[in-house]
Amino acid sequence: MGFTYSHIDIGATVYQALGIAPSAEVRDRFDRSVRLNRGEVITPLYSGAEV
């Protein structure tokens, strides 16, 4: 049985594909530290494993 993925996992996968660490932290306009994404990269897309 496969895993269930969510929209935040898709976001993390897109960041990864662009060469940006999904767990990277950036600053908002109020100078607060914000994590880009809390999802998990969908690694079967890269490994060829069945989802």
N, C-alpha and C. Protein backbone atom coordinates (compact mmCIF):
# COMPACT_ATOMS: atom_id res chain seq x y z
N MET A 1 0.85 -1.19 0.00
CA MET A 1 0.00 0.00 0.00
C MET A 1 0.89 1.24 0.00
N GLY A 2 0.52 2.25 -0.77
CA GLY A 2 1.33 3.45 -0.93
C GLY A 2 1.07 4.49 0.15
N PHE A 3 1.82 5.53 0.05
CA PHE A 3 1.69 6.64 0.98
C PHE A 3 0.64 7.62 0.46
N THR A 4 0.11 8.41 1.35
CA THR A 4 -0.79 9.49 0.97
C THR A 4 0.00 10.78 0.99
N TYR A 5 -0.05 11.53 -0.09
CA TYR A 5 0.67 12.79 -0.19
C TYR A 5 -0.31 13.94 -0.17
N SER A 6 0.14 15.08 0.31
CA SER A 6 -0.72 16.26 0.38
C SER A 6 -0.13 17.39 -0.45
N HIS A 7 -0.84 18.48 -0.50
CA HIS A 7 -0.39 19.64 -1.26
C HIS A 7 0.93 20.20 -0.73
N ILE A 8 1.18 20.08 0.56
CA ILE A 8 2.46 20.59 1.08
C ILE A 8 3.62 19.69 0.65
N ASP A 9 3.35 18.41 0.43
CA ASP A 9 4.38 17.52 -0.09
C ASP A 9 4.71 17.88 -1.54
N ILE A 10 3.72 18.25 -2.31
CA ILE A 10 3.95 18.68 -3.69
C ILE A 10 4.79 19.96 -3.68
N GLY A 11 4.47 20.87 -2.78
CA GLY A 11 5.26 22.10 -2.66
C GLY A 11 6.70 21.80 -2.31
N ALA A 12 6.93 20.90 -1.37
CA ALA A 12 8.29 20.53 -0.99
C ALA A 12 9.04 19.91 -2.17
N THR A 13 8.34 19.11 -2.95
CA THR A 13 8.94 18.47 -4.12
C THR A 13 9.32 19.51 -5.17
N VAL A 14 8.48 20.50 -5.38
CA VAL A 14 8.79 21.57 -6.34
C VAL A 14 10.00 22.36 -5.87
N TYR A 15 10.05 22.73 -4.59
CA TYR A 15 11.23 23.44 -4.07
C TYR A 15 12.48 22.61 -4.29
N GLN A 16 12.42 21.33 -3.99
CA GLN A 16 13.56 20.43 -4.17
C GLN A 16 14.00 20.41 -5.63
N ALA A 17 13.04 20.32 -6.55
CA ALA A 17 13.35 20.29 -7.98
C ALA A 17 14.02 21.59 -8.44
N LEU A 18 13.70 22.69 -7.78
CA LEU A 18 14.30 23.98 -8.12
C LEU A 18 15.63 24.20 -7.43
N GLY A 19 16.05 23.24 -6.60
CA GLY A 19 17.32 23.37 -5.90
C GLY A 19 17.24 24.15 -4.62
N ILE A 20 16.04 24.33 -4.10
CA ILE A 20 15.81 25.06 -2.85
C ILE A 20 15.43 24.05 -1.78
N ALA A 21 16.11 24.08 -0.66
CA ALA A 21 15.79 23.16 0.42
C ALA A 21 14.40 23.51 0.97
N PRO A 22 13.47 22.56 0.98
CA PRO A 22 12.12 22.85 1.48
C PRO A 22 12.11 23.30 2.94
N SER A 23 13.10 22.90 3.68
CA SER A 23 13.15 23.28 5.10
C SER A 23 13.88 24.60 5.35
N ALA A 24 14.28 25.27 4.27
CA ALA A 24 14.99 26.56 4.41
C ALA A 24 14.09 27.57 5.12
N GLU A 25 14.74 28.45 5.85
CA GLU A 25 14.00 29.51 6.53
C GLU A 25 14.28 30.84 5.87
N VAL A 26 13.24 31.63 5.72
CA VAL A 26 13.34 32.96 5.14
C VAL A 26 12.74 33.96 6.13
N ARG A 27 12.93 35.22 5.86
CA ARG A 27 12.38 36.27 6.74
C ARG A 27 11.18 36.91 6.06
N ASP A 28 10.11 37.11 6.82
CA ASP A 28 8.97 37.82 6.27
C ASP A 28 9.19 39.32 6.40
N ARG A 29 8.23 40.10 5.99
CA ARG A 29 8.42 41.55 6.00
C ARG A 29 8.50 42.14 7.41
N PHE A 30 8.15 41.34 8.42
CA PHE A 30 8.27 41.79 9.80
C PHE A 30 9.52 41.21 10.45
N ASP A 31 10.41 40.64 9.62
CA ASP A 31 11.69 40.06 10.02
C ASP A 31 11.53 38.83 10.92
N ARG A 32 10.42 38.13 10.75
CA ARG A 32 10.22 36.88 11.49
C ARG A 32 10.73 35.72 10.64
N SER A 33 11.32 34.75 11.27
CA SER A 33 11.81 33.57 10.57
C SER A 33 10.63 32.65 10.25
N VAL A 34 10.53 32.26 8.97
CA VAL A 34 9.43 31.42 8.51
C VAL A 34 10.02 30.27 7.69
N ARG A 35 9.61 29.06 7.98
CA ARG A 35 10.06 27.90 7.20
C ARG A 35 9.28 27.87 5.88
N LEU A 36 9.99 27.64 4.77
CA LEU A 36 9.34 27.64 3.46
C LEU A 36 8.24 26.60 3.36
N ASN A 37 8.53 25.38 3.83
CA ASN A 37 7.57 24.30 3.63
C ASN A 37 7.77 23.25 4.71
N ARG A 38 6.69 22.66 5.17
CA ARG A 38 6.76 21.61 6.19
C ARG A 38 6.46 20.22 5.62
N GLY A 39 6.30 20.13 4.31
CA GLY A 39 6.00 18.86 3.68
C GLY A 39 7.25 18.00 3.48
N GLU A 40 7.02 16.80 2.98
CA GLU A 40 8.10 15.86 2.66
C GLU A 40 8.22 15.74 1.15
N VAL A 41 9.45 15.69 0.67
CA VAL A 41 9.68 15.51 -0.76
C VAL A 41 9.16 14.13 -1.18
N ILE A 42 8.48 14.07 -2.30
CA ILE A 42 7.95 12.81 -2.82
C ILE A 42 9.08 12.10 -3.55
N THR A 43 9.89 11.36 -2.81
CA THR A 43 11.10 10.75 -3.36
C THR A 43 10.84 9.68 -4.42
N PRO A 44 9.71 8.96 -4.42
CA PRO A 44 9.50 8.00 -5.52
C PRO A 44 9.49 8.64 -6.90
N LEU A 45 9.23 9.93 -6.99
CA LEU A 45 9.28 10.60 -8.28
C LEU A 45 10.70 10.62 -8.83
N TYR A 46 11.69 10.62 -7.92
CA TYR A 46 13.09 10.66 -8.32
C TYR A 46 13.71 9.27 -8.41
N SER A 47 13.21 8.35 -7.65
CA SER A 47 13.84 7.02 -7.57
C SER A 47 13.23 6.00 -8.53
N GLY A 48 12.07 6.31 -9.06
CA GLY A 48 11.39 5.37 -9.96
C GLY A 48 10.62 4.29 -9.22
N ALA A 49 10.57 4.39 -7.89
CA ALA A 49 9.82 3.40 -7.08
C ALA A 49 8.32 3.63 -7.31
N GLU A 50 7.57 2.57 -7.09
CA GLU A 50 6.11 2.69 -7.22
C GLU A 50 5.56 3.50 -6.07
N VAL A 51 4.56 4.31 -6.37
CA VAL A 51 3.94 5.15 -5.35
C VAL A 51 2.72 4.46 -4.80
